[in-house]
């Protein structure tokens, strides 16, 4: 019977698994990375791996959750806290969210291979996903509640609004299915439609009719013109790259 790992050994092995996982996932992607790839540098058996993580998807999620807080801070600082114009802030938030996704070495493979996203979702415990979503959404929820209190965003469940702001992140995962000429136009339109739908000014004639102190749609559009999204270079086809043995 193999001896149990000491506390120090567990910490060292976990750190090596995280380091190896980051290297493998960014190079090969989640699907092509095997448990054997992950345990070799840590010098443990495949069976021992499951004493540290229930699956390779859970390891991927841990790595993702390590970098998400910093990513979210950058998105919020460059958008929601960068301007007092609510509509402009909403558009910027979506732009920065997509930009971060496309630039991140760990997330970009998911964009290039959306089937891996489904693999991650099924491999991560529900409790971990729920806690992470709650913690990461807190600053955005606070901004939304403040904007709703001022009458700058339509009334409704703030958590639903958070999801609306994040819907744009699904477009990059389907970029290969969209005409490359239409993709940047679709991305731009989606961002502006969400911004128009959430801001009070865009709904002044319906939900916000008769409410004092709220700008008209015409005034708001002069102050916050639609933001154009620059065309992005087509993502490289990772499927054509053979994995080095």
Protein backbone atom coordinates (compact mmCIF):
# COMPACT_ATOMS: atom_id res chain seq x y z
CA UNK A 1 0.00 0.00 0.00
CA UNK A 2 1.54 3.37 -1.02
CA UNK A 3 2.24 5.78 1.77
CA UNK A 4 0.12 8.89 2.20
CA UNK A 5 1.49 12.25 1.08
CA UNK A 6 2.59 14.67 3.76
CA UNK A 7 1.06 18.13 3.94
CA UNK A 8 4.11 19.71 2.32
CA UNK A 9 4.13 17.07 -0.43
CA UNK A 10 0.47 17.72 -1.18
CA UNK A 11 1.13 21.44 -1.58
CA UNK A 12 4.12 20.82 -3.86
CA UNK A 13 2.27 18.26 -5.99
CA UNK A 14 -0.78 20.48 -6.34
CA UNK A 15 1.44 23.40 -7.41
CA UNK A 16 3.17 21.20 -10.02
CA UNK A 17 -0.18 19.97 -11.33
CA UNK A 18 -1.38 23.56 -11.69
CA UNK A 19 1.82 24.58 -13.47
CA UNK A 20 1.75 21.58 -15.79
CA UNK A 21 -1.95 22.03 -16.43
CA UNK A 22 -1.48 25.61 -17.53
CA UNK A 23 1.31 24.62 -19.92
CA UNK A 24 -0.62 21.68 -21.40
CA UNK A 25 -4.01 23.39 -21.68
CA UNK A 26 -2.59 26.46 -23.40
CA UNK A 27 -0.50 24.36 -25.79
CA UNK A 28 -2.77 21.42 -26.59
CA UNK A 29 -6.21 22.43 -25.32
CA UNK A 30 -8.35 20.63 -22.79
CA UNK A 31 -9.51 17.79 -25.01
CA UNK A 32 -6.04 16.67 -26.14
CA UNK A 33 -4.44 16.98 -22.71
CA UNK A 34 -4.41 13.63 -20.90
CA UNK A 35 -4.16 12.77 -17.23
CA UNK A 36 -0.81 11.14 -18.04
CA UNK A 37 0.44 14.47 -19.43
CA UNK A 38 -0.49 16.12 -16.16
CA UNK A 39 0.97 13.59 -13.69
CA UNK A 40 4.37 12.94 -15.30
CA UNK A 41 6.06 16.18 -14.14
CA UNK A 42 4.46 15.77 -10.70
CA UNK A 43 5.83 12.21 -10.48
CA UNK A 44 2.58 10.74 -9.26
CA UNK A 45 0.32 8.01 -10.60
CA UNK A 46 -2.84 8.66 -12.56
CA UNK A 47 -4.83 7.28 -9.65
CA UNK A 48 -3.15 9.75 -7.28
CA UNK A 49 -4.22 12.66 -9.50
CA UNK A 50 -7.82 12.21 -8.33
CA UNK A 51 -6.79 12.87 -4.74
CA UNK A 52 -6.12 16.45 -5.85
CA UNK A 53 -8.74 17.09 -8.55
CA UNK A 54 -11.90 15.15 -9.46
CA UNK A 55 -11.13 15.62 -13.18
CA UNK A 56 -8.89 17.47 -15.59
CA UNK A 57 -11.84 19.82 -16.20
CA UNK A 58 -11.81 20.74 -12.51
CA UNK A 59 -8.08 21.51 -12.76
CA UNK A 60 -8.77 23.71 -15.78
CA UNK A 61 -11.51 25.51 -13.83
CA UNK A 62 -9.16 26.14 -10.90
CA UNK A 63 -6.65 27.72 -13.27
CA UNK A 64 -9.36 29.81 -14.87
CA UNK A 65 -10.71 31.00 -11.52
CA UNK A 66 -7.21 32.07 -10.49
CA UNK A 67 -7.02 34.60 -13.32
CA UNK A 68 -10.66 35.64 -13.61
CA UNK A 69 -10.58 38.19 -10.74
CA UNK A 70 -7.72 40.15 -12.35
CA UNK A 71 -9.42 39.89 -15.72
CA UNK A 72 -12.66 41.21 -14.30
CA UNK A 73 -10.90 44.11 -12.59
CA UNK A 74 -9.36 45.15 -15.90
CA UNK A 75 -12.72 44.94 -17.68
CA UNK A 76 -14.51 46.98 -14.99
CA UNK A 77 -11.76 49.62 -14.75
CA UNK A 78 -11.69 50.15 -18.52
CA UNK A 79 -15.46 50.34 -18.88
CA UNK A 80 -17.86 50.81 -15.98
CA UNK A 81 -15.41 53.04 -14.07
CA UNK A 82 -13.96 54.76 -17.12
CA UNK A 83 -16.96 56.91 -18.02
CA UNK A 84 -20.03 58.46 -16.38
CA UNK A 85 -22.11 57.80 -19.48
CA UNK A 86 -24.01 54.58 -18.70
CA UNK A 87 -24.72 53.59 -22.29
CA UNK A 88 -21.10 54.09 -23.29
CA UNK A 89 -19.97 52.12 -20.23
CA UNK A 90 -22.16 49.17 -21.21
CA UNK A 91 -20.73 49.08 -24.73
CA UNK A 92 -17.17 49.39 -23.39
CA UNK A 93 -17.80 46.59 -20.90
CA UNK A 94 -18.79 44.22 -23.69
CA UNK A 95 -15.84 45.29 -25.85
CA UNK A 96 -13.37 44.71 -23.02
CA UNK A 97 -14.92 41.37 -22.16
CA UNK A 98 -14.46 40.10 -25.71
CA UNK A 99 -10.95 41.59 -25.89
CA UNK A 100 -9.88 39.80 -22.71
CA UNK A 101 -11.28 36.50 -23.95
CA UNK A 102 -9.44 36.74 -27.24
CA UNK A 103 -6.15 37.70 -25.59
CA UNK A 104 -6.07 35.10 -22.80
CA UNK A 105 -3.97 31.99 -23.53
CA UNK A 106 -6.22 29.79 -21.40
CA UNK A 107 -9.56 31.06 -22.70
CA UNK A 108 -8.62 31.48 -26.36
CA UNK A 109 -8.51 27.70 -27.01
CA UNK A 110 -12.13 27.49 -25.83
CA UNK A 111 -13.06 30.15 -28.36
CA UNK A 112 -11.34 28.16 -31.09
CA UNK A 113 -12.94 24.91 -29.97
CA UNK A 114 -16.35 25.60 -28.34
CA UNK A 115 -16.90 21.88 -27.62
CA UNK A 116 -14.30 22.25 -24.87
CA UNK A 117 -16.56 24.75 -23.10
CA UNK A 118 -19.25 22.09 -22.81
CA UNK A 119 -16.63 19.65 -21.53
CA UNK A 120 -15.58 22.10 -18.82
CA UNK A 121 -19.16 22.83 -17.76
CA UNK A 122 -19.91 19.13 -17.26
CA UNK A 123 -16.65 18.48 -15.44
CA UNK A 124 -16.82 21.23 -12.81
CA UNK A 125 -18.82 20.76 -9.57
CA UNK A 126 -21.98 22.87 -9.38
CA UNK A 127 -20.94 24.40 -6.05
CA UNK A 128 -17.67 25.67 -7.52
CA UNK A 129 -19.41 27.24 -10.53
CA UNK A 130 -22.07 28.90 -8.38
CA UNK A 131 -19.63 30.36 -5.86
CA UNK A 132 -17.32 31.65 -8.58
CA UNK A 133 -20.14 33.29 -10.50
CA UNK A 134 -21.40 35.00 -7.35
CA UNK A 135 -17.98 36.32 -6.29
CA UNK A 136 -16.91 37.49 -9.74
CA UNK A 137 -20.22 39.22 -10.45
CA UNK A 138 -20.27 41.26 -7.24
CA UNK A 139 -18.61 44.49 -8.55
CA UNK A 140 -20.77 44.48 -11.68
CA UNK A 141 -23.93 43.85 -9.64
CA UNK A 142 -23.07 46.83 -7.42
CA UNK A 143 -22.63 49.06 -10.48
CA UNK A 144 -25.94 47.88 -11.93
CA UNK A 145 -27.86 48.48 -8.69
CA UNK A 146 -26.42 51.99 -8.42
CA UNK A 147 -27.36 52.72 -12.04
CA UNK A 148 -30.88 51.38 -11.47
CA UNK A 149 -31.25 53.52 -8.35
CA UNK A 150 -30.35 56.59 -10.42
CA UNK A 151 -32.79 55.56 -13.15
CA UNK A 152 -30.02 55.06 -15.72
CA UNK A 153 -30.80 51.38 -16.34
CA UNK A 154 -34.21 49.77 -16.69
CA UNK A 155 -35.69 48.10 -13.63
CA UNK A 156 -35.37 44.36 -13.19
CA UNK A 157 -33.36 41.63 -11.50
CA UNK A 158 -29.71 42.86 -11.43
CA UNK A 159 -28.47 39.30 -11.92
CA UNK A 160 -30.43 39.08 -15.17
CA UNK A 161 -28.79 42.34 -16.27
CA UNK A 162 -25.36 40.85 -15.53
CA UNK A 163 -26.18 37.96 -17.82
CA UNK A 164 -27.34 40.37 -20.50
CA UNK A 165 -23.99 42.19 -20.31
CA UNK A 166 -22.20 38.87 -20.70
CA UNK A 167 -24.18 37.47 -23.62
CA UNK A 168 -21.70 38.93 -26.09
CA UNK A 169 -19.02 36.52 -24.89
CA UNK A 170 -20.79 33.68 -26.71
CA UNK A 171 -20.29 35.26 -30.13
CA UNK A 172 -16.51 34.66 -30.30
CA UNK A 173 -17.07 30.95 -29.61
CA UNK A 174 -19.06 30.77 -32.86
CA UNK A 175 -16.84 33.03 -34.94
CA UNK A 176 -15.92 30.20 -37.31
CA UNK A 177 -19.62 29.71 -38.12
CA UNK A 178 -20.10 33.35 -39.13
CA UNK A 179 -19.09 35.09 -42.35
CA UNK A 180 -15.83 36.91 -41.48
CA UNK A 181 -17.16 40.07 -43.17
CA UNK A 182 -20.32 39.98 -41.07
CA UNK A 183 -18.72 38.99 -37.76
CA UNK A 184 -17.42 42.43 -36.65
CA UNK A 185 -20.70 44.03 -37.77
CA UNK A 186 -22.70 41.46 -35.81
CA UNK A 187 -20.51 42.00 -32.75
CA UNK A 188 -20.95 45.77 -32.99
CA UNK A 189 -24.71 45.54 -33.44
CA UNK A 190 -25.12 43.08 -30.57
CA UNK A 191 -23.24 45.39 -28.19
CA UNK A 192 -25.28 48.43 -29.18
CA UNK A 193 -28.59 46.56 -29.02
CA UNK A 194 -27.84 45.42 -25.45
CA UNK A 195 -26.80 48.96 -24.47
CA UNK A 196 -29.96 50.45 -25.99
CA UNK A 197 -32.16 47.84 -24.35
CA UNK A 198 -30.72 48.30 -20.87
CA UNK A 199 -30.47 52.06 -20.66
CA UNK A 200 -33.45 54.06 -19.49
CA UNK A 201 -33.05 56.54 -22.33
CA UNK A 202 -33.65 53.81 -24.91
CA UNK A 203 -36.92 52.98 -23.15
CA UNK A 204 -38.05 56.50 -22.33
CA UNK A 205 -41.21 56.09 -24.34
CA UNK A 206 -42.28 52.91 -22.54
CA UNK A 207 -40.99 51.72 -19.19
CA UNK A 208 -39.67 55.12 -18.11
CA UNK A 209 -42.46 57.31 -19.45
CA UNK A 210 -43.41 60.08 -17.04
CA UNK A 211 -40.42 59.62 -14.74
CA UNK A 212 -38.77 62.92 -13.88
CA UNK A 213 -35.08 63.64 -14.24
CA UNK A 214 -34.28 61.03 -16.88
CA UNK A 215 -32.74 62.01 -20.20
CA UNK A 216 -34.61 61.58 -23.44
CA UNK A 217 -33.50 59.03 -26.00
CA UNK A 218 -32.49 61.78 -28.44
CA UNK A 219 -30.33 63.57 -25.86
CA UNK A 220 -28.68 60.35 -24.71
CA UNK A 221 -27.76 59.29 -28.23
CA UNK A 222 -26.01 62.61 -28.85
CA UNK A 223 -23.98 62.14 -25.69
CA UNK A 224 -23.17 58.47 -26.25
CA UNK A 225 -22.98 57.64 -29.95
CA UNK A 226 -22.85 54.01 -30.99
CA UNK A 227 -19.36 52.65 -30.53
CA UNK A 228 -17.89 50.92 -33.54
CA UNK A 229 -15.97 47.70 -32.97
CA UNK A 230 -12.82 47.38 -35.10
CA UNK A 231 -12.56 44.29 -37.28
CA UNK A 232 -10.52 41.53 -35.69
CA UNK A 233 -8.08 39.21 -37.35
CA UNK A 234 -9.41 35.75 -37.99
CA UNK A 235 -8.40 33.31 -35.24
CA UNK A 236 -5.81 30.70 -36.25
CA UNK A 237 -7.09 27.20 -36.90
CA UNK A 238 -5.66 25.12 -34.07
CA UNK A 239 -7.09 21.98 -35.61
CA UNK A 240 -4.42 22.07 -38.31
CA UNK A 241 -1.56 22.12 -35.85
CA UNK A 242 -0.23 18.66 -35.10
CA UNK A 243 0.64 17.99 -31.52
CA UNK A 244 4.34 17.46 -31.01
CA UNK A 245 5.07 14.11 -29.58
